[in-house]
Amino acid sequence: MATTTLDSNRVESIETRLSALEREMIEFRKRLAKPEVAPNWLQKVTGAMKGRPEFLEMVELGREYRESLPYSDEDPDAW
């Protein structure tokens, strides 16, 4: 008789786990039916550093560097 009790406990455990899996599958199917649109990463980051001192310093350093490069009116691709 002890094996019957053990077997019924196992069956209950399996049924509980199977029910949980079935609920998860229903949720996955709902998600697959209407996929989420990934946000445009460029729109998400554009302007993120606007007005920050670090960004302004970077812009200034970039300008100074470009201005320090040799430039020839005859060859605009020289720098």
Protein backbone atom coordinates (compact mmCIF):
# COMPACT_ATOMS: atom_id res chain seq x y z
CA MET A 1 0.00 0.00 0.00
CA ALA A 2 2.92 2.36 0.61
CA THR A 3 3.84 2.28 -3.07
CA THR A 4 0.30 3.35 -4.02
CA THR A 5 0.59 6.48 -1.85
CA LEU A 6 4.00 7.24 -3.28
CA ASP A 7 2.73 6.76 -6.81
CA SER A 8 -0.26 9.05 -6.23
CA ASN A 9 2.07 11.74 -4.82
CA ARG A 10 4.23 11.44 -7.92
CA VAL A 11 1.18 11.66 -10.17
CA GLU A 12 0.00 14.80 -8.35
CA SER A 13 3.46 16.31 -8.68
CA ILE A 14 3.59 15.53 -12.39
CA GLU A 15 0.08 16.91 -12.92
CA THR A 16 0.97 20.11 -11.08
CA ARG A 17 4.13 20.58 -13.10
CA LEU A 18 2.30 19.78 -16.34
CA SER A 19 -0.38 22.37 -15.54
CA ALA A 20 2.31 24.98 -14.91
CA LEU A 21 3.99 24.13 -18.23
CA GLU A 22 0.67 24.39 -20.07
CA ARG A 23 0.09 27.87 -18.59
CA GLU A 24 3.58 28.93 -19.64
CA MET A 25 3.00 27.64 -23.18
CA ILE A 26 -0.22 29.66 -23.43
CA GLU A 27 1.71 32.77 -22.37
CA PHE A 28 4.50 32.10 -24.90
CA ARG A 29 1.98 31.61 -27.70
CA LYS A 30 0.34 34.94 -26.82
CA ARG A 31 3.73 36.67 -26.96
CA LEU A 32 4.58 35.05 -30.29
CA ALA A 33 1.24 36.05 -31.77
CA LYS A 34 2.06 39.73 -31.30
CA PRO A 35 5.82 40.27 -31.26
CA GLU A 36 7.14 43.38 -29.57
CA VAL A 37 8.67 45.98 -31.82
CA ALA A 38 12.25 46.66 -30.80
CA PRO A 39 12.85 50.36 -30.12
CA ASN A 40 15.08 52.19 -32.56
CA TRP A 41 18.37 52.28 -30.64
CA LEU A 42 19.52 55.41 -32.45
CA GLN A 43 16.44 57.39 -31.42
CA LYS A 44 16.89 56.10 -27.90
CA VAL A 45 20.45 57.43 -27.54
CA THR A 46 20.21 60.59 -29.65
CA GLY A 47 20.50 63.61 -27.40
CA ALA A 48 21.38 61.58 -24.31
CA MET A 49 24.52 63.66 -23.68
CA LYS A 50 23.07 67.01 -24.80
CA GLY A 51 24.20 69.86 -22.57
CA ARG A 52 26.42 67.69 -20.37
CA PRO A 53 29.83 69.19 -19.60
CA GLU A 54 31.62 66.01 -20.71
CA PHE A 55 29.93 66.13 -24.11
CA LEU A 56 30.68 69.81 -24.57
CA GLU A 57 34.33 69.19 -23.67
CA MET A 58 34.51 66.34 -26.16
CA VAL A 59 33.07 68.56 -28.91
CA GLU A 60 35.59 71.30 -28.10
CA LEU A 61 38.54 68.87 -28.04
CA GLY A 62 37.42 67.42 -31.37
CA ARG A 63 37.22 70.91 -32.89
CA GLU A 64 40.67 71.81 -31.57
CA TYR A 65 42.12 68.60 -32.97
CA ARG A 66 40.58 69.12 -36.40
CA GLU A 67 41.82 72.69 -36.49
CA SER A 68 45.36 71.54 -35.60
CA LEU A 69 45.54 69.24 -38.64
CA PRO A 70 47.31 70.52 -41.75
CA TYR A 71 44.82 71.52 -44.42
CA SER A 72 45.40 72.42 -48.02
CA ASP A 73 42.89 74.24 -50.20
CA GLU A 74 44.32 72.30 -53.13
CA ASP A 75 43.68 68.88 -51.55
CA PRO A 76 40.58 68.87 -49.30
CA ASP A 77 41.13 65.15 -48.57
CA ALA A 78 44.61 65.80 -47.13
CA TRP A 79 43.43 65.68 -43.56
